[in-house]
Amino acid sequence: MAGVIVKGIAHFAVGVAFAASFPWAVREGASGNPLYFLLGGFAGLIPDTLDFKFWRFLYRQDVLVVPDPHDPDPGPIARALAQAVTMASNGRPIRIKLESMRLGTDRWRRYTVRFDPDARTVTVLIGPVVDTGRCLIERGKDMGRAATAPIPVPLRLDYFATFDVDAFEGPHVRMVPDLGGSVMVEFIPWHRSWSHGLAVAGVLGVLGTLVWDWRAGLVMAGAQMLHAILDQAGYLGNNAWFPLTRHRKPGGKYLHSGDSVANATVVWYAGLWIWYNLWLGSDVGGEPLRVIQTLLLAALLPLLAIAWRGWRNRGPVNFIRAYLKRVKEEPHEPA
């Protein structure tokens, strides 16, 4: 939940920063009209709001897996996933939902799903009992139980090969027939699909123009597109060309969407950009050289803090080694 909140703040800040890029928005704000800033922040939140508040509740499933939290058996879960892949290989996408295992108000039993495209298997491992914040409560007698089911067709993944199911609502997984008789496994396919596409940006642009003016339309469309561009730096990717395509393009894998440090850095830079544009539009004046020096110094601070933290915690050799290991162990992605 914290990751979702942090992401929301980052997208809101980027939307406001986009609005601040236009002198007319700054002038309107200085005269007491914050409309363009508010529309930028609002449009920056639109894609995830559509996904998490509406679309995921309308997204149907063909197969529903409901494990028993008091007697968790990984076998039926693994077999259900393998069967869904087999069914999809016959030519029709199959949507399967994995329900979480709730033990109480603040107690959840975790289980882990791992697809192995090389071995053509799917493995389910029963994990510990965790709280809503996904922190360990107890290991439990069932922890470590595992089951593996074979998959008769080649697999391709659009996200991590391994994911956990624990607190809150379980994820959807869609099995889609792919080229060459393989099956694409798509994680939470209802997220970052049509809501993050250019078509929605166009709708927001038209809506803003009709309700207010062309400047409002520009701010809303641009803030929505910046949301999608920022998300593309992560792992899940987006489907920018919906409805021309139905698949997400894999992300750049530069950072995780729930990484609090990365999100805080984005908010920091958005704040700097807003401050710089407010200074440009003000009548206060000030030495330009000093402002640029301050801006550059502030821009370097997050990068230095991130580098120092990694260097201090791991040392220079381990820091580089951990990065190379992360690159080597990238999840299987479609070509």
Protein backbone atom coordinates (compact mmCIF):
# COMPACT_ATOMS: atom_id res chain seq x y z
CA MET A 1 0.00 0.00 0.00
CA ALA A 2 2.86 2.39 0.80
CA GLY A 3 4.29 1.85 -2.67
CA VAL A 4 0.96 2.78 -4.26
CA ILE A 5 0.78 5.97 -2.17
CA VAL A 6 4.34 6.95 -3.04
CA LYS A 7 3.74 6.33 -6.75
CA GLY A 8 0.64 8.52 -6.60
CA ILE A 9 2.59 11.41 -5.11
CA ALA A 10 5.28 11.05 -7.78
CA HIS A 11 2.80 11.09 -10.67
CA PHE A 12 0.93 14.03 -9.14
CA ALA A 13 4.16 16.00 -8.72
CA VAL A 14 5.24 15.30 -12.31
CA GLY A 15 1.84 16.47 -13.58
CA VAL A 16 2.12 19.72 -11.64
CA ALA A 17 5.69 20.17 -12.88
CA PHE A 18 4.50 19.77 -16.47
CA ALA A 19 1.92 22.51 -15.97
CA ALA A 20 4.61 24.75 -14.45
CA SER A 21 6.58 24.46 -17.70
CA PHE A 22 4.23 26.94 -19.37
CA PRO A 23 4.56 30.66 -18.55
CA TRP A 24 0.84 31.22 -18.93
CA ALA A 25 0.13 28.58 -16.26
CA VAL A 26 2.57 30.31 -13.90
CA ARG A 27 0.98 33.71 -14.60
CA GLU A 28 -2.49 32.32 -13.94
CA GLY A 29 -1.28 30.78 -10.69
CA ALA A 30 0.34 34.03 -9.58
CA SER A 31 -2.93 35.85 -10.22
CA GLY A 32 -4.80 33.43 -7.97
CA ASN A 33 -5.99 30.81 -10.50
CA PRO A 34 -4.40 27.39 -9.79
CA LEU A 35 -6.49 25.60 -12.45
CA TYR A 36 -3.66 24.42 -14.71
CA PHE A 37 -1.56 23.15 -11.81
CA LEU A 38 -4.52 21.24 -10.41
CA LEU A 39 -5.41 19.78 -13.80
CA GLY A 40 -1.81 18.66 -14.31
CA GLY A 41 -1.72 16.85 -10.97
CA PHE A 42 -5.18 15.38 -11.52
CA ALA A 43 -4.37 14.06 -15.00
CA GLY A 44 -1.13 12.59 -13.69
CA LEU A 45 -3.21 10.41 -11.36
CA ILE A 46 -5.82 9.41 -13.95
CA PRO A 47 -4.20 6.24 -15.42
CA ASP A 48 -3.66 4.42 -12.11
CA THR A 49 -6.97 5.67 -10.76
CA LEU A 50 -8.80 4.11 -13.71
CA ASP A 51 -6.91 0.84 -13.22
CA PHE A 52 -7.05 0.40 -9.45
CA LYS A 53 -10.39 2.04 -8.66
CA PHE A 54 -12.46 0.82 -11.60
CA TRP A 55 -11.01 -1.49 -14.24
CA ARG A 56 -9.64 -4.20 -11.96
CA PHE A 57 -13.12 -4.72 -10.47
CA LEU A 58 -14.62 -5.12 -13.94
CA TYR A 59 -11.89 -7.44 -15.21
CA ARG A 60 -13.32 -10.95 -15.46
CA GLN A 61 -11.56 -14.28 -14.99
CA ASP A 62 -12.03 -17.66 -16.66
CA VAL A 63 -10.44 -19.62 -13.80
CA LEU A 64 -10.56 -18.72 -10.10
CA VAL A 65 -8.11 -20.40 -7.72
CA VAL A 66 -9.11 -20.21 -4.05
CA PRO A 67 -6.54 -21.93 -1.78
CA ASP A 68 -7.45 -23.04 1.73
CA PRO A 69 -5.48 -20.79 4.13
CA HIS A 70 -5.73 -23.34 6.95
CA ASP A 71 -4.56 -26.30 4.87
CA PRO A 72 -2.61 -24.81 1.98
CA ASP A 73 -1.87 -27.29 -0.77
CA PRO A 74 0.43 -25.97 -3.51
CA GLY A 75 -0.40 -28.84 -5.87
CA PRO A 76 -3.83 -27.65 -7.13
CA ILE A 77 -2.50 -24.11 -7.59
CA ALA A 78 0.43 -25.28 -9.73
CA ARG A 79 -1.78 -27.62 -11.76
CA ALA A 80 -4.38 -24.89 -12.35
CA LEU A 81 -1.70 -22.54 -13.72
CA ALA A 82 -0.23 -25.25 -15.94
CA GLN A 83 -3.69 -26.18 -17.22
CA ALA A 84 -4.45 -22.53 -18.01
CA VAL A 85 -1.27 -22.35 -20.12
CA THR A 86 -2.27 -25.56 -21.91
CA MET A 87 -5.76 -24.24 -22.61
CA ALA A 88 -4.35 -20.99 -23.96
CA SER A 89 -2.06 -22.88 -26.34
CA ASN A 90 -5.22 -24.02 -28.17
CA GLY A 91 -5.79 -20.49 -29.40
CA ARG A 92 -7.85 -18.61 -26.78
CA PRO A 93 -6.50 -16.35 -24.02
CA ILE A 94 -7.21 -17.65 -20.51
CA ARG A 95 -7.54 -15.34 -17.53
CA ILE A 96 -6.81 -16.88 -14.15
CA LYS A 97 -7.07 -15.20 -10.78
CA LEU A 98 -5.10 -16.35 -7.75
CA GLU A 99 -6.91 -15.50 -4.52
CA SER A 100 -4.91 -14.58 -1.45
CA MET A 101 -5.08 -16.65 1.74
CA ARG A 102 -6.45 -14.57 4.58
CA LEU A 103 -6.10 -15.92 8.11
CA GLY A 104 -7.45 -12.95 10.06
CA THR A 105 -7.76 -9.19 10.20
CA ASP A 106 -4.02 -8.64 9.85
CA ARG A 107 -2.76 -12.12 8.99
CA TRP A 108 -2.12 -13.56 5.53
CA ARG A 109 -0.44 -16.74 4.39
CA ARG A 110 1.98 -16.04 1.59
CA TYR A 111 2.61 -18.31 -1.36
CA THR A 112 5.09 -17.86 -4.18
CA VAL A 113 4.60 -18.66 -7.86
CA ARG A 114 7.60 -19.22 -10.11
CA PHE A 115 7.51 -19.85 -13.85
CA ASP A 116 10.59 -21.48 -15.38
CA PRO A 117 10.52 -21.01 -19.17
CA ASP A 118 13.71 -23.04 -19.62
CA ALA A 119 12.41 -26.10 -17.76
CA ARG A 120 8.79 -25.44 -18.83
CA THR A 121 7.45 -25.77 -15.31
CA VAL A 122 5.52 -23.73 -12.78
CA THR A 123 6.28 -24.11 -9.09
CA VAL A 124 4.18 -22.98 -6.12
CA LEU A 125 5.82 -22.65 -2.69
CA ILE A 126 3.91 -22.07 0.55
CA GLY A 127 5.50 -19.26 2.54
CA PRO A 128 5.22 -17.73 6.00
CA VAL A 129 2.36 -15.89 7.70
CA VAL A 130 2.67 -12.12 7.17
CA ASP A 131 0.78 -9.01 8.19
CA THR A 132 -0.90 -6.52 5.89
CA GLY A 133 2.41 -4.69 5.52
CA ARG A 134 3.92 -7.99 4.24
CA CYS A 135 6.17 -8.31 7.30
CA LEU A 136 6.88 -11.76 8.74
CA ILE A 137 4.72 -12.85 11.68
CA GLU A 138 5.55 -16.55 11.90
CA ARG A 139 6.89 -19.28 9.67
CA GLY A 140 4.11 -21.80 10.29
CA LYS A 141 4.13 -25.57 9.93
CA ASP A 142 3.18 -25.45 6.24
CA MET A 143 6.01 -23.16 5.19
CA GLY A 144 8.22 -24.82 2.62
CA ARG A 145 5.58 -27.07 1.04
CA ALA A 146 6.05 -26.94 -2.71
CA ALA A 147 4.63 -28.44 -5.88
CA THR A 148 5.75 -28.29 -9.49
CA ALA A 149 3.62 -28.86 -12.57
CA PRO A 150 4.99 -29.40 -16.09
CA ILE A 151 3.98 -27.12 -18.95
CA PRO A 152 3.85 -28.73 -22.41
CA VAL A 153 4.49 -25.57 -24.47
CA PRO A 154 7.19 -22.86 -24.59
CA LEU A 155 6.67 -19.89 -22.25
CA ARG A 156 7.39 -16.20 -22.52
CA LEU A 157 6.95 -13.78 -19.61
CA ASP A 158 6.21 -10.06 -19.62
CA TYR A 159 7.22 -9.56 -15.96
CA PHE A 160 9.19 -11.31 -13.24
CA ALA A 161 9.38 -15.07 -13.36
CA THR A 162 8.63 -15.15 -9.62
CA PHE A 163 5.96 -13.27 -7.67
CA ASP A 164 4.33 -13.52 -4.23
CA VAL A 165 0.64 -13.67 -3.37
CA ASP A 166 -0.05 -12.46 0.16
CA ALA A 167 -1.89 -9.38 1.45
CA PHE A 168 -5.02 -7.87 -0.07
CA GLU A 169 -6.47 -9.07 -3.35
CA GLY A 170 -4.68 -11.76 -5.35
CA PRO A 171 -3.39 -11.02 -8.87
CA HIS A 172 -4.82 -11.82 -12.27
CA VAL A 173 -2.58 -13.69 -14.72
CA ARG A 174 -3.48 -13.92 -18.39
CA MET A 175 -2.19 -16.69 -20.65
CA VAL A 176 -2.08 -15.49 -24.26
CA PRO A 177 -1.31 -17.61 -27.37
CA ASP A 178 1.92 -16.34 -28.87
CA LEU A 179 3.96 -16.84 -32.02
CA GLY A 180 5.46 -20.24 -32.73
CA GLY A 181 3.07 -22.15 -30.50
CA SER A 182 4.32 -20.52 -27.28
CA VAL A 183 2.22 -18.85 -24.59
CA MET A 184 2.80 -15.39 -23.13
CA VAL A 185 2.21 -15.11 -19.37
CA GLU A 186 1.00 -11.60 -18.53
CA PHE A 187 1.02 -10.41 -14.90
CA ILE A 188 -1.97 -8.26 -13.78
CA PRO A 189 -2.99 -7.62 -17.42
CA TRP A 190 -5.62 -5.07 -16.38
CA HIS A 191 -2.87 -2.65 -15.28
CA ARG A 192 -1.07 -0.26 -17.65
CA SER A 193 -3.10 -1.27 -20.66
CA TRP A 194 -5.66 1.06 -22.28
CA SER A 195 -5.58 3.58 -19.41
CA HIS A 196 -1.91 4.36 -20.10
CA GLY A 197 -2.34 4.70 -23.87
CA LEU A 198 -2.27 7.68 -26.19
CA ALA A 199 -5.99 7.29 -26.82
CA VAL A 200 -6.77 8.28 -23.23
CA ALA A 201 -4.37 11.22 -23.54
CA GLY A 202 -6.33 12.33 -26.58
CA VAL A 203 -9.63 12.02 -24.72
CA LEU A 204 -8.29 14.08 -21.82
CA GLY A 205 -7.00 16.69 -24.24
CA VAL A 206 -10.37 17.03 -25.93
CA LEU A 207 -12.22 17.03 -22.61
CA GLY A 208 -10.00 19.75 -21.16
CA THR A 209 -10.40 21.86 -24.27
CA LEU A 210 -14.17 21.55 -24.30
CA VAL A 211 -14.64 22.23 -20.59
CA TRP A 212 -11.97 24.97 -20.19
CA ASP A 213 -9.62 25.85 -23.08
CA TRP A 214 -6.87 24.42 -25.27
CA ARG A 215 -4.27 25.10 -22.58
CA ALA A 216 -6.15 22.91 -20.11
CA GLY A 217 -6.38 20.20 -22.76
CA LEU A 218 -2.65 20.41 -23.41
CA VAL A 219 -1.79 20.15 -19.70
CA MET A 220 -4.10 17.17 -19.13
CA ALA A 221 -2.91 15.25 -22.18
CA GLY A 222 0.74 15.94 -21.43
CA ALA A 223 0.50 14.95 -17.75
CA GLN A 224 -1.14 11.63 -18.72
CA MET A 225 1.59 10.90 -21.27
CA LEU A 226 4.33 11.75 -18.76
CA HIS A 227 2.74 9.24 -16.37
CA ALA A 228 3.09 6.52 -19.01
CA ILE A 229 6.65 7.55 -19.89
CA LEU A 230 7.67 7.45 -16.23
CA ASP A 231 6.13 3.99 -15.82
CA GLN A 232 8.03 2.76 -18.88
CA ALA A 233 11.24 3.07 -16.87
CA GLY A 234 10.04 0.22 -14.63
CA TYR A 235 9.54 -3.48 -15.33
CA LEU A 236 5.90 -3.91 -16.28
CA GLY A 237 5.82 -1.53 -19.22
CA ASN A 238 2.78 -0.01 -20.96
CA ASN A 239 0.50 -0.42 -23.93
CA ALA A 240 0.81 3.03 -25.48
CA TRP A 241 -0.84 2.07 -28.78
CA PHE A 242 -4.11 0.59 -27.49
CA PRO A 243 -6.40 -0.36 -29.26
CA LEU A 244 -4.01 -0.97 -32.18
CA THR A 245 -2.15 -3.45 -29.99
CA ARG A 246 -3.31 -5.55 -27.05
CA HIS A 247 0.06 -6.25 -25.43
CA ARG A 248 2.22 -4.12 -23.18
CA LYS A 249 5.69 -3.21 -24.31
CA PRO A 250 8.22 -4.35 -21.66
CA GLY A 251 9.66 -1.57 -19.52
CA GLY A 252 13.23 -0.40 -19.42
CA LYS A 253 13.83 -2.12 -16.05
CA TYR A 254 15.75 0.84 -14.63
CA LEU A 255 13.81 0.91 -11.34
CA HIS A 256 10.90 -0.66 -9.47
CA SER A 257 7.63 1.25 -9.37
CA GLY A 258 7.32 0.71 -5.61
CA ASP A 259 10.88 1.81 -4.81
CA SER A 260 10.47 4.63 -2.27
CA VAL A 261 13.91 6.09 -3.00
CA ALA A 262 13.24 6.26 -6.74
CA ASN A 263 9.82 7.81 -6.21
CA ALA A 264 11.19 10.34 -3.73
CA THR A 265 13.88 11.28 -6.26
CA VAL A 266 11.22 11.88 -8.92
CA VAL A 267 9.27 14.11 -6.51
CA TRP A 268 12.47 16.00 -5.67
CA TYR A 269 13.26 16.74 -9.32
CA ALA A 270 9.65 17.67 -10.03
CA GLY A 271 9.80 20.13 -7.15
CA LEU A 272 13.02 21.63 -8.51
CA TRP A 273 11.47 22.07 -11.94
CA ILE A 274 8.42 23.77 -10.42
CA TRP A 275 10.64 26.10 -8.37
CA TYR A 276 12.76 27.00 -11.40
CA ASN A 277 9.74 27.85 -13.54
CA LEU A 278 8.16 29.89 -10.74
CA TRP A 279 11.41 31.86 -10.52
CA LEU A 280 11.40 32.44 -14.30
CA GLY A 281 7.86 33.77 -14.12
CA SER A 282 8.34 35.98 -11.08
CA ASP A 283 9.19 39.67 -10.89
CA VAL A 284 11.43 39.29 -7.85
CA GLY A 285 14.58 38.97 -9.92
CA GLY A 286 17.75 37.47 -8.51
CA GLU A 287 21.13 36.59 -9.94
CA PRO A 288 20.65 34.00 -12.72
CA LEU A 289 24.07 32.47 -12.12
CA ARG A 290 23.32 31.85 -8.44
CA VAL A 291 19.95 30.34 -9.31
CA ILE A 292 21.54 27.98 -11.84
CA GLN A 293 24.23 27.00 -9.32
CA THR A 294 21.57 26.25 -6.71
CA LEU A 295 19.57 24.26 -9.23
CA LEU A 296 22.56 22.14 -10.27
CA LEU A 297 23.62 21.50 -6.67
CA ALA A 298 20.09 20.45 -5.69
CA ALA A 299 19.92 18.19 -8.75
CA LEU A 300 23.10 16.39 -7.69
CA LEU A 301 22.08 15.80 -4.07
CA PRO A 302 19.73 12.80 -4.65
CA LEU A 303 22.26 11.10 -6.92
CA LEU A 304 25.05 11.56 -4.39
CA ALA A 305 22.83 10.30 -1.56
CA ILE A 306 21.85 7.15 -3.50
CA ALA A 307 25.46 6.42 -4.49
CA TRP A 308 26.74 7.02 -0.96
CA ARG A 309 24.11 4.72 0.55
CA GLY A 310 24.97 1.87 -1.78
CA TRP A 311 28.69 2.46 -1.34
CA ARG A 312 28.45 2.56 2.46
CA ASN A 313 26.24 -0.52 2.80
CA ARG A 314 28.10 -2.77 0.39
CA GLY A 315 31.50 -1.27 -0.30
CA PRO A 316 32.72 -0.38 -3.78
CA VAL A 317 33.42 -3.95 -4.94
CA ASN A 318 30.21 -5.45 -3.59
CA PHE A 319 28.20 -2.50 -4.92
CA ILE A 320 29.42 -3.15 -8.49
CA ARG A 321 29.12 -6.92 -8.06
CA ALA A 322 25.50 -6.63 -6.85
CA TYR A 323 24.61 -4.49 -9.84
CA LEU A 324 26.14 -6.97 -12.29
CA LYS A 325 24.33 -9.83 -10.56
CA ARG A 326 21.03 -7.97 -10.84
CA VAL A 327 21.56 -7.46 -14.58
CA LYS A 328 22.48 -11.13 -15.05
CA GLU A 329 19.40 -12.34 -13.19
CA GLU A 330 16.91 -10.22 -15.11
CA PRO A 331 13.54 -11.96 -15.50
CA HIS A 332 12.74 -13.57 -18.83
CA GLU A 333 11.26 -10.93 -21.07
CA PRO A 334 9.76 -11.14 -24.54
CA ALA A 335 12.15 -10.21 -27.31
